[in-house]
Amino acid sequence: MIEDESEFRTFLLNSLGHEGYEALGNSDGEKVISQFSTFRPNLILLDMNLPNKDGMDILREIRGHSDYQKTPVIVITGRDDEKDIVRAFNHGADDYLTKPFTLDILWARMRAVLRRSQATVANAKKLTSQDLTIDLSTHQVFLVEQEIKLTLTEFNILNHLMVKIGQVIPRDELRSESLKDTAITDRTLDVHMTSLRKKLAHRGPDIVTIRGVGFRFVEDVQQK
């Protein structure tokens, strides 16, 4: 947990401990990556308003590190402006929780994000569509033989779309089967989809929005 308000940080760390989590706190994020070397997290709770380094910079640093680019990050902050929310998702946040919030809401969000991150692929294989390849055994995505960095949420969305190539995937199906979180809003799902399309560059338009229903990937996919 990266949070500069000492009373809130202590309260939440104690609450996490009571819930059975092993948790560690950091007050400013300056040395958070080096801290991970001795305490590798399954989940990061990140405040945006920090004294020495902006939370958005820390989020970019986490997503730019090869060991932690898929580690789930929940932003917990007092910033409720839509632009801040969109920026956080575009920089790789998995969820965004605005203060104040109840502990029950936080526990539910954490469980949902952890379910998505701990999901395993039963049979290691690759999905290929022309110059786009998903390696399900290593959770890597390659475009024109160059690896592109996706968040875990983006990876799961792309995987689900490519597995059901040509089919219209309802939003509710993406929430329940791909993201394992039926509480994700349409706006949040759209933000993830916009970010995914941008990272897929010239293949982004192949993810087509079916208005009022969901999404469809329009290219042929080969399974290997």
C-alpha atoms as a PDB file:
ATOM      1  CA  MET A   1       0.000   0.000   0.000  1.00  0.00           C
ATOM      2  CA  ILE A   2       1.419   3.362  -1.088  1.00  0.00           C
ATOM      3  CA  GLU A   3      -0.301   6.067   0.968  1.00  0.00           C
ATOM      4  CA  ASP A   4       1.133   9.185   2.650  1.00  0.00           C
ATOM      5  CA  GLU A   5      -1.631   9.803   5.234  1.00  0.00           C
ATOM      6  CA  SER A   6      -0.166   7.956   8.208  1.00  0.00           C
ATOM      7  CA  GLU A   7      -3.403   7.444  10.183  1.00  0.00           C
ATOM      8  CA  PHE A   8      -5.303   6.159   7.164  1.00  0.00           C
ATOM      9  CA  ARG A   9      -2.360   3.974   6.116  1.00  0.00           C
ATOM     10  CA  THR A  10      -2.067   2.440   9.595  1.00  0.00           C
ATOM     11  CA  PHE A  11      -5.815   1.869   9.830  1.00  0.00           C
ATOM     12  CA  LEU A  12      -5.981   0.181   6.445  1.00  0.00           C
ATOM     13  CA  LEU A  13      -2.879  -1.954   7.013  1.00  0.00           C
ATOM     14  CA  ASN A  14      -4.361  -3.174  10.309  1.00  0.00           C
ATOM     15  CA  SER A  15      -7.685  -3.861   8.588  1.00  0.00           C
ATOM     16  CA  LEU A  16      -5.937  -5.811   5.845  1.00  0.00           C
ATOM     17  CA  GLY A  17      -4.170  -7.868   8.492  1.00  0.00           C
ATOM     18  CA  HIS A  18      -7.484  -8.683  10.178  1.00  0.00           C
ATOM     19  CA  GLU A  19      -8.797  -9.846   6.791  1.00  0.00           C
ATOM     20  CA  GLY A  20      -5.887 -12.279   6.485  1.00  0.00           C
ATOM     21  CA  TYR A  21      -3.709 -10.293   4.089  1.00  0.00           C
ATOM     22  CA  GLU A  22       0.017  -9.774   4.620  1.00  0.00           C
ATOM     23  CA  ALA A  23       0.438  -6.080   3.881  1.00  0.00           C
ATOM     24  CA  LEU A  24       3.266  -3.564   3.784  1.00  0.00           C
ATOM     25  CA  GLY A  25       2.985   0.231   3.643  1.00  0.00           C
ATOM     26  CA  ASN A  26       5.038   2.897   1.903  1.00  0.00           C
ATOM     27  CA  SER A  27       4.513   6.606   2.557  1.00  0.00           C
ATOM     28  CA  ASP A  28       5.840   8.257  -0.608  1.00  0.00           C
ATOM     29  CA  GLY A  29       6.561   5.694  -3.352  1.00  0.00           C
ATOM     30  CA  GLU A  30      10.175   6.808  -3.822  1.00  0.00           C
ATOM     31  CA  LYS A  31      11.625   3.370  -3.084  1.00  0.00           C
ATOM     32  CA  VAL A  32       8.614   1.232  -3.844  1.00  0.00           C
ATOM     33  CA  ILE A  33      10.197  -0.794  -6.681  1.00  0.00           C
ATOM     34  CA  SER A  34      13.255  -1.670  -4.591  1.00  0.00           C
ATOM     35  CA  GLN A  35      10.903  -2.649  -1.753  1.00  0.00           C
ATOM     36  CA  PHE A  36       9.263  -5.169  -4.077  1.00  0.00           C
ATOM     37  CA  SER A  37      12.522  -7.128  -4.252  1.00  0.00           C
ATOM     38  CA  THR A  38      12.002  -8.326  -0.676  1.00  0.00           C
ATOM     39  CA  PHE A  39       8.193  -8.147  -0.576  1.00  0.00           C
ATOM     40  CA  ARG A  40       6.788  -9.078  -3.968  1.00  0.00           C
ATOM     41  CA  PRO A  41       3.122  -8.054  -3.979  1.00  0.00           C
ATOM     42  CA  ASN A  42       0.119  -9.857  -5.430  1.00  0.00           C
ATOM     43  CA  LEU A  43      -1.748  -6.553  -5.393  1.00  0.00           C
ATOM     44  CA  ILE A  44      -0.824  -2.867  -5.070  1.00  0.00           C
ATOM     45  CA  LEU A  45      -3.031  -0.180  -3.504  1.00  0.00           C
ATOM     46  CA  LEU A  46      -1.792   3.167  -4.824  1.00  0.00           C
ATOM     47  CA  ASP A  47      -2.694   6.708  -3.758  1.00  0.00           C
ATOM     48  CA  MET A  48      -2.311   9.491  -6.331  1.00  0.00           C
ATOM     49  CA  ASN A  49      -1.565  12.443  -4.017  1.00  0.00           C
ATOM     50  CA  LEU A  50       1.920  11.681  -2.702  1.00  0.00           C
ATOM     51  CA  PRO A  51       4.578  14.112  -1.420  1.00  0.00           C
ATOM     52  CA  ASN A  52       7.701  13.179  -3.367  1.00  0.00           C
ATOM     53  CA  LYS A  53       6.468  11.433  -6.494  1.00  0.00           C
ATOM     54  CA  ASP A  54       3.071  11.663  -8.167  1.00  0.00           C
ATOM     55  CA  GLY A  55       1.059   8.452  -8.075  1.00  0.00           C
ATOM     56  CA  MET A  56       0.682   8.509 -11.857  1.00  0.00           C
ATOM     57  CA  ASP A  57       4.476   8.448 -12.209  1.00  0.00           C
ATOM     58  CA  ILE A  58       4.656   5.485  -9.838  1.00  0.00           C
ATOM     59  CA  LEU A  59       1.978   3.692 -11.850  1.00  0.00           C
ATOM     60  CA  ARG A  60       3.978   4.238 -15.036  1.00  0.00           C
ATOM     61  CA  GLU A  61       7.107   2.979 -13.277  1.00  0.00           C
ATOM     62  CA  ILE A  62       5.335  -0.179 -12.118  1.00  0.00           C
ATOM     63  CA  ARG A  63       3.907  -0.850 -15.584  1.00  0.00           C
ATOM     64  CA  GLY A  64       7.316  -0.204 -17.173  1.00  0.00           C
ATOM     65  CA  HIS A  65       9.054  -2.821 -15.011  1.00  0.00           C
ATOM     66  CA  SER A  66       9.176  -6.262 -16.603  1.00  0.00           C
ATOM     67  CA  ASP A  67       8.577  -8.054 -13.287  1.00  0.00           C
ATOM     68  CA  TYR A  68       5.535  -6.046 -12.227  1.00  0.00           C
ATOM     69  CA  GLN A  69       3.807  -4.918 -15.421  1.00  0.00           C
ATOM     70  CA  LYS A  70       0.948  -7.378 -14.806  1.00  0.00           C
ATOM     71  CA  THR A  71       0.753  -6.955 -11.011  1.00  0.00           C
ATOM     72  CA  PRO A  72      -2.772  -5.680 -10.262  1.00  0.00           C
ATOM     73  CA  VAL A  73      -2.991  -2.039  -9.150  1.00  0.00           C
ATOM     74  CA  ILE A  74      -6.025  -0.465  -7.493  1.00  0.00           C
ATOM     75  CA  VAL A  75      -5.871   3.312  -7.296  1.00  0.00           C
ATOM     76  CA  ILE A  76      -7.334   4.682  -4.049  1.00  0.00           C
ATOM     77  CA  THR A  77      -7.506   8.461  -4.072  1.00  0.00           C
ATOM     78  CA  GLY A  78      -9.511  11.556  -3.369  1.00  0.00           C
ATOM     79  CA  ARG A  79      -9.268  12.596  -7.028  1.00  0.00           C
ATOM     80  CA  ASP A  80     -12.683  12.062  -8.578  1.00  0.00           C
ATOM     81  CA  ASP A  81     -12.245  14.039 -11.783  1.00  0.00           C
ATOM     82  CA  GLU A  82     -13.075  11.967 -14.873  1.00  0.00           C
ATOM     83  CA  LYS A  83      -9.811  12.992 -16.546  1.00  0.00           C
ATOM     84  CA  ASP A  84      -7.810  11.566 -13.616  1.00  0.00           C
ATOM     85  CA  ILE A  85      -9.808   8.337 -13.733  1.00  0.00           C
ATOM     86  CA  VAL A  86      -9.260   7.931 -17.477  1.00  0.00           C
ATOM     87  CA  ARG A  87      -5.531   8.743 -17.126  1.00  0.00           C
ATOM     88  CA  ALA A  88      -5.147   6.105 -14.425  1.00  0.00           C
ATOM     89  CA  PHE A  89      -6.777   3.395 -16.535  1.00  0.00           C
ATOM     90  CA  ASN A  90      -4.790   4.449 -19.593  1.00  0.00           C
ATOM     91  CA  HIS A  91      -1.581   4.088 -17.568  1.00  0.00           C
ATOM     92  CA  GLY A  92      -2.493   0.568 -16.479  1.00  0.00           C
ATOM     93  CA  ALA A  93      -4.651   0.752 -13.355  1.00  0.00           C
ATOM     94  CA  ASP A  94      -6.919  -2.259 -12.899  1.00  0.00           C
ATOM     95  CA  ASP A  95      -9.468  -0.433 -10.762  1.00  0.00           C
ATOM     96  CA  TYR A  96     -10.094   3.056  -9.330  1.00  0.00           C
ATOM     97  CA  LEU A  97     -11.637   3.692  -5.920  1.00  0.00           C
ATOM     98  CA  THR A  98     -12.474   7.218  -4.771  1.00  0.00           C
ATOM     99  CA  LYS A  99     -12.206   8.198  -1.103  1.00  0.00           C
ATOM    100  CA  PRO A 100     -14.149   7.953   1.096  1.00  0.00           C
ATOM    101  CA  PHE A 101     -15.147   4.310   0.679  1.00  0.00           C
ATOM    102  CA  THR A 102     -16.241   1.462   2.944  1.00  0.00           C
ATOM    103  CA  LEU A 103     -13.996  -1.477   3.726  1.00  0.00           C
ATOM    104  CA  ASP A 104     -16.595  -3.866   2.287  1.00  0.00           C
ATOM    105  CA  ILE A 105     -16.309  -2.105  -1.066  1.00  0.00           C
ATOM    106  CA  LEU A 106     -12.512  -2.310  -0.953  1.00  0.00           C
ATOM    107  CA  TRP A 107     -12.540  -6.018  -0.056  1.00  0.00           C
ATOM    108  CA  ALA A 108     -14.941  -6.728  -2.942  1.00  0.00           C
ATOM    109  CA  ARG A 109     -12.790  -4.803  -5.428  1.00  0.00           C
ATOM    110  CA  MET A 110      -9.641  -6.536  -4.194  1.00  0.00           C
ATOM    111  CA  ARG A 111     -11.179  -9.996  -4.471  1.00  0.00           C
ATOM    112  CA  ALA A 112     -12.385  -9.264  -7.999  1.00  0.00           C
ATOM    113  CA  VAL A 113      -8.978  -8.013  -9.155  1.00  0.00           C
ATOM    114  CA  LEU A 114      -7.161 -10.919  -7.492  1.00  0.00           C
ATOM    115  CA  ARG A 115      -9.526 -13.426  -9.146  1.00  0.00           C
ATOM    116  CA  ARG A 116      -8.627 -11.993 -12.527  1.00  0.00           C
ATOM    117  CA  SER A 117      -4.892 -11.981 -11.813  1.00  0.00           C
ATOM    118  CA  GLN A 118      -4.829 -15.529 -10.465  1.00  0.00           C
ATOM    119  CA  ALA A 119      -6.840 -17.072 -13.281  1.00  0.00           C
ATOM    120  CA  THR A 120      -4.798 -19.706 -15.100  1.00  0.00           C
ATOM    121  CA  VAL A 121      -4.930 -20.967 -18.645  1.00  0.00           C
ATOM    122  CA  ALA A 122      -5.715 -24.694 -18.761  1.00  0.00           C
ATOM    123  CA  ASN A 123      -3.863 -25.521 -21.993  1.00  0.00           C
ATOM    124  CA  ALA A 124      -0.809 -23.558 -23.054  1.00  0.00           C
ATOM    125  CA  LYS A 125      -1.218 -22.461 -26.656  1.00  0.00           C
ATOM    126  CA  LYS A 126      -1.051 -19.495 -28.995  1.00  0.00           C
ATOM    127  CA  LEU A 127      -3.757 -17.548 -30.773  1.00  0.00           C
ATOM    128  CA  THR A 128      -2.659 -15.911 -34.008  1.00  0.00           C
ATOM    129  CA  SER A 129      -4.409 -13.451 -36.291  1.00  0.00           C
ATOM    130  CA  GLN A 130      -2.150 -12.400 -39.153  1.00  0.00           C
ATOM    131  CA  ASP A 131       0.579 -10.309 -37.474  1.00  0.00           C
ATOM    132  CA  LEU A 132      -0.950 -10.492 -33.974  1.00  0.00           C
ATOM    133  CA  THR A 133      -0.128 -13.372 -31.606  1.00  0.00           C
ATOM    134  CA  ILE A 134      -1.140 -14.140 -28.025  1.00  0.00           C
ATOM    135  CA  ASP A 135       1.083 -16.618 -26.196  1.00  0.00           C
ATOM    136  CA  LEU A 136      -1.199 -17.991 -23.474  1.00  0.00           C
ATOM    137  CA  SER A 137       1.615 -19.899 -21.761  1.00  0.00           C
ATOM    138  CA  THR A 138       3.713 -16.780 -21.126  1.00  0.00           C
ATOM    139  CA  HIS A 139       0.963 -14.119 -21.153  1.00  0.00           C
ATOM    140  CA  GLN A 140       2.757 -12.221 -23.914  1.00  0.00           C
ATOM    141  CA  VAL A 141       1.301 -10.440 -26.921  1.00  0.00           C
ATOM    142  CA  PHE A 142       3.261  -9.805 -30.122  1.00  0.00           C
ATOM    143  CA  LEU A 143       2.391  -7.461 -32.972  1.00  0.00           C
ATOM    144  CA  VAL A 144       4.540  -7.684 -36.112  1.00  0.00           C
ATOM    145  CA  GLU A 145       6.939  -9.819 -34.004  1.00  0.00           C
ATOM    146  CA  GLN A 146       7.365  -7.019 -31.458  1.00  0.00           C
ATOM    147  CA  GLU A 147       6.057  -7.551 -27.920  1.00  0.00           C
ATOM    148  CA  ILE A 148       3.424  -5.079 -26.799  1.00  0.00           C
ATOM    149  CA  LYS A 149       2.817  -4.483 -23.113  1.00  0.00           C
ATOM    150  CA  LEU A 150      -0.763  -5.048 -21.977  1.00  0.00           C
ATOM    151  CA  THR A 151      -2.206  -4.900 -18.500  1.00  0.00           C
ATOM    152  CA  LEU A 152      -3.723  -8.106 -17.166  1.00  0.00           C
ATOM    153  CA  THR A 153      -7.214  -6.727 -17.805  1.00  0.00           C
ATOM    154  CA  GLU A 154      -6.359  -5.812 -21.410  1.00  0.00           C
ATOM    155  CA  PHE A 155      -4.774  -9.233 -21.961  1.00  0.00           C
ATOM    156  CA  ASN A 156      -7.881 -11.031 -20.690  1.00  0.00           C
ATOM    157  CA  ILE A 157     -10.161  -8.928 -22.889  1.00  0.00           C
ATOM    158  CA  LEU A 158      -8.083  -9.543 -26.020  1.00  0.00           C
ATOM    159  CA  ASN A 159      -7.811 -13.249 -25.250  1.00  0.00           C
ATOM    160  CA  HIS A 160     -11.594 -13.569 -24.854  1.00  0.00           C
ATOM    161  CA  LEU A 161     -12.269 -11.677 -28.082  1.00  0.00           C
ATOM    162  CA  MET A 162      -9.783 -13.736 -30.091  1.00  0.00           C
ATOM    163  CA  VAL A 163     -10.967 -17.074 -28.693  1.00  0.00           C
ATOM    164  CA  LYS A 164     -14.466 -16.192 -29.957  1.00  0.00           C
ATOM    165  CA  ILE A 165     -13.339 -14.631 -33.219  1.00  0.00           C
ATOM    166  CA  GLY A 166     -16.117 -13.214 -35.343  1.00  0.00           C
ATOM    167  CA  GLN A 167     -18.711 -13.572 -32.596  1.00  0.00           C
ATOM    168  CA  VAL A 168     -20.374 -10.660 -30.854  1.00  0.00           C
ATOM    169  CA  ILE A 169     -19.313 -10.750 -27.202  1.00  0.00           C
ATOM    170  CA  PRO A 170     -21.863  -9.066 -24.915  1.00  0.00           C
ATOM    171  CA  ARG A 171     -20.521  -6.681 -22.308  1.00  0.00           C
ATOM    172  CA  ASP A 172     -21.939  -8.838 -19.510  1.00  0.00           C
ATOM    173  CA  GLU A 173     -20.031 -11.860 -20.831  1.00  0.00           C
ATOM    174  CA  LEU A 174     -16.760  -9.935 -20.812  1.00  0.00           C
ATOM    175  CA  ARG A 175     -17.444  -8.870 -17.237  1.00  0.00           C
ATOM    176  CA  SER A 176     -18.366 -12.309 -15.902  1.00  0.00           C
ATOM    177  CA  GLU A 177     -16.237 -14.714 -17.937  1.00  0.00           C
ATOM    178  CA  SER A 178     -13.175 -12.692 -18.934  1.00  0.00           C
ATOM    179  CA  LEU A 179     -12.797 -10.124 -16.163  1.00  0.00           C
ATOM    180  CA  LYS A 180     -14.525 -12.137 -13.389  1.00  0.00           C
ATOM    181  CA  ASP A 181     -16.127  -8.937 -12.127  1.00  0.00           C
ATOM    182  CA  THR A 182     -19.776  -8.222 -12.903  1.00  0.00           C
ATOM    183  CA  ALA A 183     -19.553  -4.862 -11.084  1.00  0.00           C
ATOM    184  CA  ILE A 184     -17.327  -3.241 -13.721  1.00  0.00           C
ATOM    185  CA  THR A 185     -19.187  -0.296 -15.256  1.00  0.00           C
ATOM    186  CA  ASP A 186     -19.680   0.295 -18.975  1.00  0.00           C
ATOM    187  CA  ARG A 187     -17.475   3.390 -18.742  1.00  0.00           C
ATOM    188  CA  THR A 188     -14.632   1.435 -17.141  1.00  0.00           C
ATOM    189  CA  LEU A 189     -14.938  -1.312 -19.752  1.00  0.00           C
ATOM    190  CA  ASP A 190     -14.877   1.301 -22.542  1.00  0.00           C
ATOM    191  CA  VAL A 191     -11.738   2.884 -21.078  1.00  0.00           C
ATOM    192  CA  HIS A 192      -9.986  -0.510 -21.051  1.00  0.00           C
ATOM    193  CA  MET A 193     -11.139  -1.154 -24.634  1.00  0.00           C
ATOM    194  CA  THR A 194      -9.898   2.248 -25.834  1.00  0.00           C
ATOM    195  CA  SER A 195      -6.503   1.643 -24.252  1.00  0.00           C
ATOM    196  CA  LEU A 196      -6.314  -1.854 -25.793  1.00  0.00           C
ATOM    197  CA  ARG A 197      -7.173  -0.554 -29.270  1.00  0.00           C
ATOM    198  CA  LYS A 198      -4.497   2.134 -28.973  1.00  0.00           C
ATOM    199  CA  LYS A 199      -1.826  -0.396 -28.001  1.00  0.00           C
ATOM    200  CA  LEU A 200      -2.837  -2.675 -30.888  1.00  0.00           C
ATOM    201  CA  ALA A 201      -2.051   0.177 -33.330  1.00  0.00           C
ATOM    202  CA  HIS A 202      -3.220  -0.762 -36.864  1.00  0.00           C
ATOM    203  CA  ARG A 203      -5.057  -3.814 -35.479  1.00  0.00           C
ATOM    204  CA  GLY A 204      -7.069  -1.739 -33.010  1.00  0.00           C
ATOM    205  CA  PRO A 205      -9.932  -1.108 -35.481  1.00  0.00           C
ATOM    206  CA  ASP A 206     -10.403  -4.885 -35.752  1.00  0.00           C
ATOM    207  CA  ILE A 207     -12.129  -4.698 -32.379  1.00  0.00           C
ATOM    208  CA  VAL A 208     -15.532  -3.441 -33.443  1.00  0.00           C
ATOM    209  CA  THR A 209     -18.115  -2.000 -31.067  1.00  0.00           C
ATOM    210  CA  ILE A 210     -21.591  -3.405 -31.613  1.00  0.00           C
ATOM    211  CA  ARG A 211     -23.720  -0.586 -30.282  1.00  0.00           C
ATOM    212  CA  GLY A 212     -25.980  -1.583 -27.407  1.00  0.00           C
ATOM    213  CA  VAL A 213     -24.587  -5.126 -27.290  1.00  0.00           C
ATOM    214  CA  GLY A 214     -20.827  -5.541 -26.963  1.00  0.00           C
ATOM    215  CA  PHE A 215     -17.735  -6.106 -29.104  1.00  0.00           C
ATOM    216  CA  ARG A 216     -16.465  -8.310 -31.927  1.00  0.00           C
ATOM    217  CA  PHE A 217     -12.993  -9.161 -33.225  1.00  0.00           C
ATOM    218  CA  VAL A 218     -13.301  -9.340 -37.000  1.00  0.00           C
ATOM    219  CA  GLU A 219     -10.136 -11.113 -38.191  1.00  0.00           C
ATOM    220  CA  ASP A 220      -9.562 -14.852 -38.593  1.00  0.00           C
ATOM    221  CA  VAL A 221      -7.592 -16.467 -35.752  1.00  0.00           C
ATOM    222  CA  GLN A 222      -5.492 -19.625 -35.946  1.00  0.00           C
ATOM    223  CA  GLN A 223      -5.076 -21.777 -32.807  1.00  0.00           C
ATOM    224  CA  LYS A 224      -1.756 -23.511 -32.281  1.00  0.00           C
END
